[in-house]
Amino acid sequence: METVVSSKGQVVIPSALRRKYDIKKGTKVEVTDRDGRIVLEPVNRGTIRRLRGILKGTRALEDLMADRARDREKEDAGLRSR
């Protein structure tokens, strides 16, 4: 299947693939670079279900909360110095 990239960088996904992967107007698509290939994956309920629990047992939430707290402290310090 061949497609063309427009001058705006837009790519048309062939209708057969849109139907197969349930891609409709407004469907978000994740674009990644894997082993020298550009991969487009629709982000839909199935994608989200597959990702559920992927970070379980990690400190991802705690790390995110700590980063957000540091960012807030920096913003507060910047506002006080004005």
PDB file of N, CA and C in Angstrom:
ATOM      1  N   MET A   1       0.840  -1.179   0.000  1.00  0.00           N
ATOM      2  CA  MET A   1       0.000   0.000   0.000  1.00  0.00           C
ATOM      3  C   MET A   1       0.881   1.236   0.000  1.00  0.00           C
ATOM      4  N   GLU A   2       0.637   2.084  -0.928  1.00  0.00           N
ATOM      5  CA  GLU A   2       1.437   3.299  -1.051  1.00  0.00           C
ATOM      6  C   GLU A   2       0.561   4.508  -0.768  1.00  0.00           C
ATOM      7  N   THR A   3       1.129   5.475  -0.104  1.00  0.00           N
ATOM      8  CA  THR A   3       0.407   6.712   0.166  1.00  0.00           C
ATOM      9  C   THR A   3       1.366   7.872  -0.024  1.00  0.00           C
ATOM     10  N   VAL A   4       0.841   9.085  -0.045  1.00  0.00           N
ATOM     11  CA  VAL A   4       1.636  10.273  -0.302  1.00  0.00           C
ATOM     12  C   VAL A   4       1.551  11.209   0.893  1.00  0.00           C
ATOM     13  N   VAL A   5       2.661  11.855   1.208  1.00  0.00           N
ATOM     14  CA  VAL A   5       2.690  12.856   2.269  1.00  0.00           C
ATOM     15  C   VAL A   5       2.446  14.212   1.613  1.00  0.00           C
ATOM     16  N   SER A   6       1.477  14.968   2.174  1.00  0.00           N
ATOM     17  CA  SER A   6       1.157  16.283   1.608  1.00  0.00           C
ATOM     18  C   SER A   6       2.216  17.303   1.995  1.00  0.00           C
ATOM     19  N   SER A   7       2.104  18.506   1.440  1.00  0.00           N
ATOM     20  CA  SER A   7       3.053  19.569   1.765  1.00  0.00           C
ATOM     21  C   SER A   7       2.949  19.983   3.231  1.00  0.00           C
ATOM     22  N   LYS A   8       1.833  19.673   3.873  1.00  0.00           N
ATOM     23  CA  LYS A   8       1.650  19.980   5.295  1.00  0.00           C
ATOM     24  C   LYS A   8       2.078  18.816   6.190  1.00  0.00           C
ATOM     25  N   GLY A   9       2.584  17.748   5.603  1.00  0.00           N
ATOM     26  CA  GLY A   9       3.016  16.597   6.388  1.00  0.00           C
ATOM     27  C   GLY A   9       1.892  15.640   6.714  1.00  0.00           C
ATOM     28  N   GLN A  10       0.745  15.814   6.083  1.00  0.00           N
ATOM     29  CA  GLN A  10      -0.395  14.952   6.347  1.00  0.00           C
ATOM     30  C   GLN A  10      -0.294  13.673   5.525  1.00  0.00           C
ATOM     31  N   VAL A  11      -0.730  12.563   6.145  1.00  0.00           N
ATOM     32  CA  VAL A  11      -0.705  11.265   5.486  1.00  0.00           C
ATOM     33  C   VAL A  11      -2.133  10.730   5.446  1.00  0.00           C
ATOM     34  N   VAL A  12      -2.552  10.215   4.305  1.00  0.00           N
ATOM     35  CA  VAL A  12      -3.871   9.605   4.191  1.00  0.00           C
ATOM     36  C   VAL A  12      -3.725   8.112   4.439  1.00  0.00           C
ATOM     37  N   ILE A  13      -4.482   7.611   5.405  1.00  0.00           N
ATOM     38  CA  ILE A  13      -4.474   6.178   5.699  1.00  0.00           C
ATOM     39  C   ILE A  13      -5.535   5.533   4.813  1.00  0.00           C
ATOM     40  N   PRO A  14      -5.172   4.523   4.045  1.00  0.00           N
ATOM     41  CA  PRO A  14      -6.137   3.888   3.147  1.00  0.00           C
ATOM     42  C   PRO A  14      -7.390   3.413   3.900  1.00  0.00           C
ATOM     43  N   SER A  15      -8.545   3.504   3.235  1.00  0.00           N
ATOM     44  CA  SER A  15      -9.822   3.196   3.881  1.00  0.00           C
ATOM     45  C   SER A  15      -9.886   1.764   4.415  1.00  0.00           C
ATOM     46  N   ALA A  16      -9.283   0.817   3.725  1.00  0.00           N
ATOM     47  CA  ALA A  16      -9.314  -0.572   4.198  1.00  0.00           C
ATOM     48  C   ALA A  16      -8.640  -0.693   5.569  1.00  0.00           C
ATOM     49  N   LEU A  17      -7.533   0.029   5.751  1.00  0.00           N
ATOM     50  CA  LEU A  17      -6.840  -0.006   7.042  1.00  0.00           C
ATOM     51  C   LEU A  17      -7.612   0.772   8.104  1.00  0.00           C
ATOM     52  N   ARG A  18      -8.245   1.876   7.703  1.00  0.00           N
ATOM     53  CA  ARG A  18      -9.059   2.634   8.672  1.00  0.00           C
ATOM     54  C   ARG A  18     -10.192   1.763   9.196  1.00  0.00           C
ATOM     55  N   ARG A  19     -10.839   1.021   8.304  1.00  0.00           N
ATOM     56  CA  ARG A  19     -11.917   0.125   8.742  1.00  0.00           C
ATOM     57  C   ARG A  19     -11.373  -0.989   9.627  1.00  0.00           C
ATOM     58  N   LYS A  20     -10.283  -1.604   9.202  1.00  0.00           N
ATOM     59  CA  LYS A  20      -9.704  -2.732   9.951  1.00  0.00           C
ATOM     60  C   LYS A  20      -9.334  -2.335  11.372  1.00  0.00           C
ATOM     61  N   TYR A  21      -8.772  -1.138  11.548  1.00  0.00           N
ATOM     62  CA  TYR A  21      -8.294  -0.699  12.859  1.00  0.00           C
ATOM     63  C   TYR A  21      -9.232   0.307  13.533  1.00  0.00           C
ATOM     64  N   ASP A  22     -10.447   0.431  13.000  1.00  0.00           N
ATOM     65  CA  ASP A  22     -11.478   1.293  13.575  1.00  0.00           C
ATOM     66  C   ASP A  22     -10.976   2.724  13.784  1.00  0.00           C
ATOM     67  N   ILE A  23     -10.334   3.258  12.769  1.00  0.00           N
ATOM     68  CA  ILE A  23      -9.834   4.631  12.816  1.00  0.00           C
ATOM     69  C   ILE A  23     -10.879   5.526  12.160  1.00  0.00           C
ATOM     70  N   LYS A  24     -11.396   6.454  12.952  1.00  0.00           N
ATOM     71  CA  LYS A  24     -12.408   7.384  12.467  1.00  0.00           C
ATOM     72  C   LYS A  24     -11.897   8.808  12.630  1.00  0.00           C
ATOM     73  N   LYS A  25     -12.644   9.758  12.105  1.00  0.00           N
ATOM     74  CA  LYS A  25     -12.288  11.164  12.261  1.00  0.00           C
ATOM     75  C   LYS A  25     -12.136  11.454  13.755  1.00  0.00           C
ATOM     76  N   GLY A  26     -11.016  12.056  14.127  1.00  0.00           N
ATOM     77  CA  GLY A  26     -10.771  12.397  15.527  1.00  0.00           C
ATOM     78  C   GLY A  26     -10.025  11.334  16.313  1.00  0.00           C
ATOM     79  N   THR A  27      -9.827  10.141  15.746  1.00  0.00           N
ATOM     80  CA  THR A  27      -9.067   9.099  16.440  1.00  0.00           C
ATOM     81  C   THR A  27      -7.628   9.569  16.607  1.00  0.00           C
ATOM     82  N   LYS A  28      -7.117   9.472  17.826  1.00  0.00           N
ATOM     83  CA  LYS A  28      -5.720   9.840  18.054  1.00  0.00           C
ATOM     84  C   LYS A  28      -4.833   8.686  17.620  1.00  0.00           C
ATOM     85  N   VAL A  29      -3.686   9.038  17.062  1.00  0.00           N
ATOM     86  CA  VAL A  29      -2.745   8.047  16.574  1.00  0.00           C
ATOM     87  C   VAL A  29      -1.389   8.326  17.193  1.00  0.00           C
ATOM     88  N   GLU A  30      -0.778   7.297  17.759  1.00  0.00           N
ATOM     89  CA  GLU A  30       0.563   7.426  18.325  1.00  0.00           C
ATOM     90  C   GLU A  30       1.570   7.160  17.207  1.00  0.00           C
ATOM     91  N   VAL A  31       2.531   8.040  17.072  1.00  0.00           N
ATOM     92  CA  VAL A  31       3.561   7.908  16.041  1.00  0.00           C
ATOM     93  C   VAL A  31       4.882   7.627  16.736  1.00  0.00           C
ATOM     94  N   THR A  32       5.504   6.496  16.408  1.00  0.00           N
ATOM     95  CA  THR A  32       6.783   6.134  17.023  1.00  0.00           C
ATOM     96  C   THR A  32       7.783   5.713  15.958  1.00  0.00           C
ATOM     97  N   ASP A  33       9.033   5.703  16.355  1.00  0.00           N
ATOM     98  CA  ASP A  33      10.137   5.273  15.500  1.00  0.00           C
ATOM     99  C   ASP A  33      10.635   3.947  16.063  1.00  0.00           C
ATOM    100  N   ARG A  34      10.461   2.879  15.308  1.00  0.00           N
ATOM    101  CA  ARG A  34      10.915   1.555  15.758  1.00  0.00           C
ATOM    102  C   ARG A  34      11.811   0.923  14.705  1.00  0.00           C
ATOM    103  N   ASP A  35      13.032   0.712  15.088  1.00  0.00           N
ATOM    104  CA  ASP A  35      13.984   0.029  14.207  1.00  0.00           C
ATOM    105  C   ASP A  35      14.011   0.622  12.804  1.00  0.00           C
ATOM    106  N   GLY A  36      14.046   1.961  12.723  1.00  0.00           N
ATOM    107  CA  GLY A  36      14.134   2.618  11.432  1.00  0.00           C
ATOM    108  C   GLY A  36      12.821   2.697  10.670  1.00  0.00           C
ATOM    109  N   ARG A  37      11.703   2.387  11.343  1.00  0.00           N
ATOM    110  CA  ARG A  37      10.390   2.458  10.701  1.00  0.00           C
ATOM    111  C   ARG A  37       9.499   3.433  11.458  1.00  0.00           C
ATOM    112  N   ILE A  38       8.659   4.118  10.743  1.00  0.00           N
ATOM    113  CA  ILE A  38       7.664   4.980  11.370  1.00  0.00           C
ATOM    114  C   ILE A  38       6.424   4.123  11.588  1.00  0.00           C
ATOM    115  N   VAL A  39       5.972   4.044  12.834  1.00  0.00           N
ATOM    116  CA  VAL A  39       4.826   3.203  13.178  1.00  0.00           C
ATOM    117  C   VAL A  39       3.682   4.088  13.666  1.00  0.00           C
ATOM    118  N   LEU A  40       2.512   3.901  13.081  1.00  0.00           N
ATOM    119  CA  LEU A  40       1.302   4.608  13.496  1.00  0.00           C
ATOM    120  C   LEU A  40       0.401   3.610  14.212  1.00  0.00           C
ATOM    121  N   GLU A  41       0.006   3.921  15.443  1.00  0.00           N
ATOM    122  CA  GLU A  41      -0.890   3.048  16.188  1.00  0.00           C
ATOM    123  C   GLU A  41      -2.073   3.855  16.695  1.00  0.00           C
ATOM    124  N   PRO A  42      -3.288   3.424  16.359  1.00  0.00           N
ATOM    125  CA  PRO A  42      -4.447   4.163  16.855  1.00  0.00           C
ATOM    126  C   PRO A  42      -4.550   4.027  18.367  1.00  0.00           C
ATOM    127  N   VAL A  43      -4.885   5.128  19.018  1.00  0.00           N
ATOM    128  CA  VAL A  43      -5.076   5.114  20.465  1.00  0.00           C
ATOM    129  C   VAL A  43      -6.584   5.031  20.684  1.00  0.00           C
ATOM    130  N   ASN A  44      -7.038   3.837  21.048  1.00  0.00           N
ATOM    131  CA  ASN A  44      -8.458   3.630  21.296  1.00  0.00           C
ATOM    132  C   ASN A  44      -8.622   2.810  22.571  1.00  0.00           C
ATOM    133  N   ARG A  45      -9.804   2.377  22.864  1.00  0.00           N
ATOM    134  CA  ARG A  45     -10.050   1.641  24.114  1.00  0.00           C
ATOM    135  C   ARG A  45      -9.205   0.383  24.216  1.00  0.00           C
ATOM    136  N   GLY A  46      -9.007  -0.311  23.106  1.00  0.00           N
ATOM    137  CA  GLY A  46      -8.185  -1.517  23.121  1.00  0.00           C
ATOM    138  C   GLY A  46      -6.750  -1.210  23.516  1.00  0.00           C
ATOM    139  N   THR A  47      -6.217  -0.123  22.977  1.00  0.00           N
ATOM    140  CA  THR A  47      -4.858   0.297  23.311  1.00  0.00           C
ATOM    141  C   THR A  47      -4.755   0.602  24.792  1.00  0.00           C
ATOM    142  N   ILE A  48      -5.729   1.338  25.295  1.00  0.00           N
ATOM    143  CA  ILE A  48      -5.709   1.724  26.706  1.00  0.00           C
ATOM    144  C   ILE A  48      -5.840   0.487  27.592  1.00  0.00           C
ATOM    145  N   ARG A  49      -6.708  -0.458  27.209  1.00  0.00           N
ATOM    146  CA  ARG A  49      -6.856  -1.691  27.997  1.00  0.00           C
ATOM    147  C   ARG A  49      -5.543  -2.471  28.052  1.00  0.00           C
ATOM    148  N   ARG A  50      -4.846  -2.544  26.925  1.00  0.00           N
ATOM    149  CA  ARG A  50      -3.571  -3.285  26.901  1.00  0.00           C
ATOM    150  C   ARG A  50      -2.529  -2.642  27.805  1.00  0.00           C
ATOM    151  N   LEU A  51      -2.613  -1.323  27.972  1.00  0.00           N
ATOM    152  CA  LEU A  51      -1.620  -0.614  28.781  1.00  0.00           C
ATOM    153  C   LEU A  51      -1.946  -0.603  30.270  1.00  0.00           C
ATOM    154  N   ARG A  52      -3.175  -0.972  30.630  1.00  0.00           N
ATOM    155  CA  ARG A  52      -3.555  -0.960  32.043  1.00  0.00           C
ATOM    156  C   ARG A  52      -2.622  -1.843  32.847  1.00  0.00           C
ATOM    157  N   GLY A  53      -2.130  -1.302  33.942  1.00  0.00           N
ATOM    158  CA  GLY A  53      -1.291  -2.073  34.845  1.00  0.00           C
ATOM    159  C   GLY A  53       0.163  -2.183  34.433  1.00  0.00           C
ATOM    160  N   ILE A  54       0.527  -1.572  33.315  1.00  0.00           N
ATOM    161  CA  ILE A  54       1.895  -1.716  32.815  1.00  0.00           C
ATOM    162  C   ILE A  54       2.922  -1.130  33.786  1.00  0.00           C
ATOM    163  N   LEU A  55       2.521  -0.132  34.563  1.00  0.00           N
ATOM    164  CA  LEU A  55       3.451   0.499  35.500  1.00  0.00           C
ATOM    165  C   LEU A  55       3.287  -0.014  36.929  1.00  0.00           C
ATOM    166  N   LYS A  56       2.420  -1.003  37.117  1.00  0.00           N
ATOM    167  CA  LYS A  56       2.195  -1.543  38.446  1.00  0.00           C
ATOM    168  C   LYS A  56       3.508  -2.087  39.014  1.00  0.00           C
ATOM    169  N   GLY A  57       3.759  -1.762  40.271  1.00  0.00           N
ATOM    170  CA  GLY A  57       4.983  -2.234  40.910  1.00  0.00           C
ATOM    171  C   GLY A  57       6.175  -1.320  40.680  1.00  0.00           C
ATOM    172  N   THR A  58       5.970  -0.249  39.907  1.00  0.00           N
ATOM    173  CA  THR A  58       7.053   0.714  39.693  1.00  0.00           C
ATOM    174  C   THR A  58       6.789   1.928  40.576  1.00  0.00           C
ATOM    175  N   ARG A  59       7.709   2.818  40.614  1.00  0.00           N
ATOM    176  CA  ARG A  59       7.546   4.045  41.394  1.00  0.00           C
ATOM    177  C   ARG A  59       7.132   5.203  40.488  1.00  0.00           C
ATOM    178  N   ALA A  60       6.531   4.901  39.353  1.00  0.00           N
ATOM    179  CA  ALA A  60       6.213   5.924  38.362  1.00  0.00           C
ATOM    180  C   ALA A  60       5.336   7.031  38.939  1.00  0.00           C
ATOM    181  N   LEU A  61       4.273   6.672  39.657  1.00  0.00           N
ATOM    182  CA  LEU A  61       3.383   7.694  40.206  1.00  0.00           C
ATOM    183  C   LEU A  61       4.114   8.543  41.248  1.00  0.00           C
ATOM    184  N   GLU A  62       4.863   7.897  42.118  1.00  0.00           N
ATOM    185  CA  GLU A  62       5.607   8.639  43.144  1.00  0.00           C
ATOM    186  C   GLU A  62       6.626   9.571  42.508  1.00  0.00           C
ATOM    187  N   ASP A  63       7.325   9.103  41.492  1.00  0.00           N
ATOM    188  CA  ASP A  63       8.308   9.931  40.793  1.00  0.00           C
ATOM    189  C   ASP A  63       7.637  11.120  40.116  1.00  0.00           C
ATOM    190  N   LEU A  64       6.484  10.879  39.484  1.00  0.00           N
ATOM    191  CA  LEU A  64       5.751  11.962  38.839  1.00  0.00           C
ATOM    192  C   LEU A  64       5.309  13.004  39.859  1.00  0.00           C
ATOM    193  N   MET A  65       4.783  12.547  40.989  1.00  0.00           N
ATOM    194  CA  MET A  65       4.327  13.474  42.028  1.00  0.00           C
ATOM    195  C   MET A  65       5.500  14.293  42.582  1.00  0.00           C
ATOM    196  N   ALA A  66       6.652  13.662  42.767  1.00  0.00           N
ATOM    197  CA  ALA A  66       7.837  14.371  43.261  1.00  0.00           C
ATOM    198  C   ALA A  66       8.288  15.421  42.238  1.00  0.00           C
ATOM    199  N   ASP A  67       8.271  15.066  40.950  1.00  0.00           N
ATOM    200  CA  ASP A  67       8.642  16.019  39.898  1.00  0.00           C
ATOM    201  C   ASP A  67       7.691  17.212  39.887  1.00  0.00           C
ATOM    202  N   ARG A  68       6.404  16.930  40.009  1.00  0.00           N
ATOM    203  CA  ARG A  68       5.415  18.020  40.022  1.00  0.00           C
ATOM    204  C   ARG A  68       5.638  18.932  41.223  1.00  0.00           C
ATOM    205  N   ALA A  69       5.956  18.342  42.396  1.00  0.00           N
ATOM    206  CA  ALA A  69       6.201  19.146  43.601  1.00  0.00           C
ATOM    207  C   ALA A  69       7.418  20.050  43.393  1.00  0.00           C
ATOM    208  N   ARG A  70       8.490  19.513  42.791  1.00  0.00           N
ATOM    209  CA  ARG A  70       9.689  20.319  42.521  1.00  0.00           C
ATOM    210  C   ARG A  70       9.371  21.451  41.555  1.00  0.00           C
ATOM    211  N   ASP A  71       8.559  21.142  40.531  1.00  0.00           N
ATOM    212  CA  ASP A  71       8.167  22.184  39.568  1.00  0.00           C
ATOM    213  C   ASP A  71       7.383  23.290  40.258  1.00  0.00           C
ATOM    214  N   ARG A  72       6.461  22.915  41.135  1.00  0.00           N
ATOM    215  CA  ARG A  72       5.679  23.928  41.861  1.00  0.00           C
ATOM    216  C   ARG A  72       6.579  24.789  42.737  1.00  0.00           C
ATOM    217  N   GLU A  73       7.558  24.156  43.402  1.00  0.00           N
ATOM    218  CA  GLU A  73       8.492  24.913  44.255  1.00  0.00           C
ATOM    219  C   GLU A  73       9.272  25.925  43.420  1.00  0.00           C
ATOM    220  N   LYS A  74       9.732  25.509  42.234  1.00  0.00           N
ATOM    221  CA  LYS A  74      10.475  26.413  41.359  1.00  0.00           C
ATOM    222  C   LYS A  74       9.593  27.580  40.913  1.00  0.00           C
ATOM    223  N   GLU A  75       8.333  27.260  40.544  1.00  0.00           N
ATOM    224  CA  GLU A  75       7.420  28.324  40.121  1.00  0.00           C
ATOM    225  C   GLU A  75       7.150  29.287  41.267  1.00  0.00           C
ATOM    226  N   ASP A  76       6.916  28.752  42.467  1.00  0.00           N
ATOM    227  CA  ASP A  76       6.659  29.599  43.630  1.00  0.00           C
ATOM    228  C   ASP A  76       7.870  30.475  43.935  1.00  0.00           C
ATOM    229  N   ALA A  77       9.073  29.917  43.840  1.00  0.00           N
ATOM    230  CA  ALA A  77      10.283  30.685  44.112  1.00  0.00           C
ATOM    231  C   ALA A  77      10.444  31.796  43.072  1.00  0.00           C
ATOM    232  N   GLY A  78      10.108  31.501  41.826  1.00  0.00           N
ATOM    233  CA  GLY A  78      10.195  32.502  40.765  1.00  0.00           C
ATOM    234  C   GLY A  78       9.203  33.620  40.963  1.00  0.00           C
ATOM    235  N   LEU A  79       8.016  33.306  41.442  1.00  0.00           N
ATOM    236  CA  LEU A  79       7.013  34.349  41.695  1.00  0.00           C
ATOM    237  C   LEU A  79       7.403  35.217  42.867  1.00  0.00           C
ATOM    238  N   ARG A  80       8.011  34.616  43.879  1.00  0.00           N
ATOM    239  CA  ARG A  80       8.430  35.397  45.073  1.00  0.00           C
ATOM    240  C   ARG A  80       9.576  36.334  44.754  1.00  0.00           C
ATOM    241  N   SER A  81      10.434  35.983  43.784  1.00  0.00           N
ATOM    242  CA  SER A  81      11.610  36.802  43.487  1.00  0.00           C
ATOM    243  C   SER A  81      11.263  38.021  42.626  1.00  0.00           C
ATOM    244  N   ARG A  82      10.050  38.113  42.152  1.00  0.00           N
ATOM    245  CA  ARG A  82       9.664  39.238  41.283  1.00  0.00           C
ATOM    246  C   ARG A  82       9.395  40.475  42.042  1.00  0.00           C
TER     247      ARG A  82
END
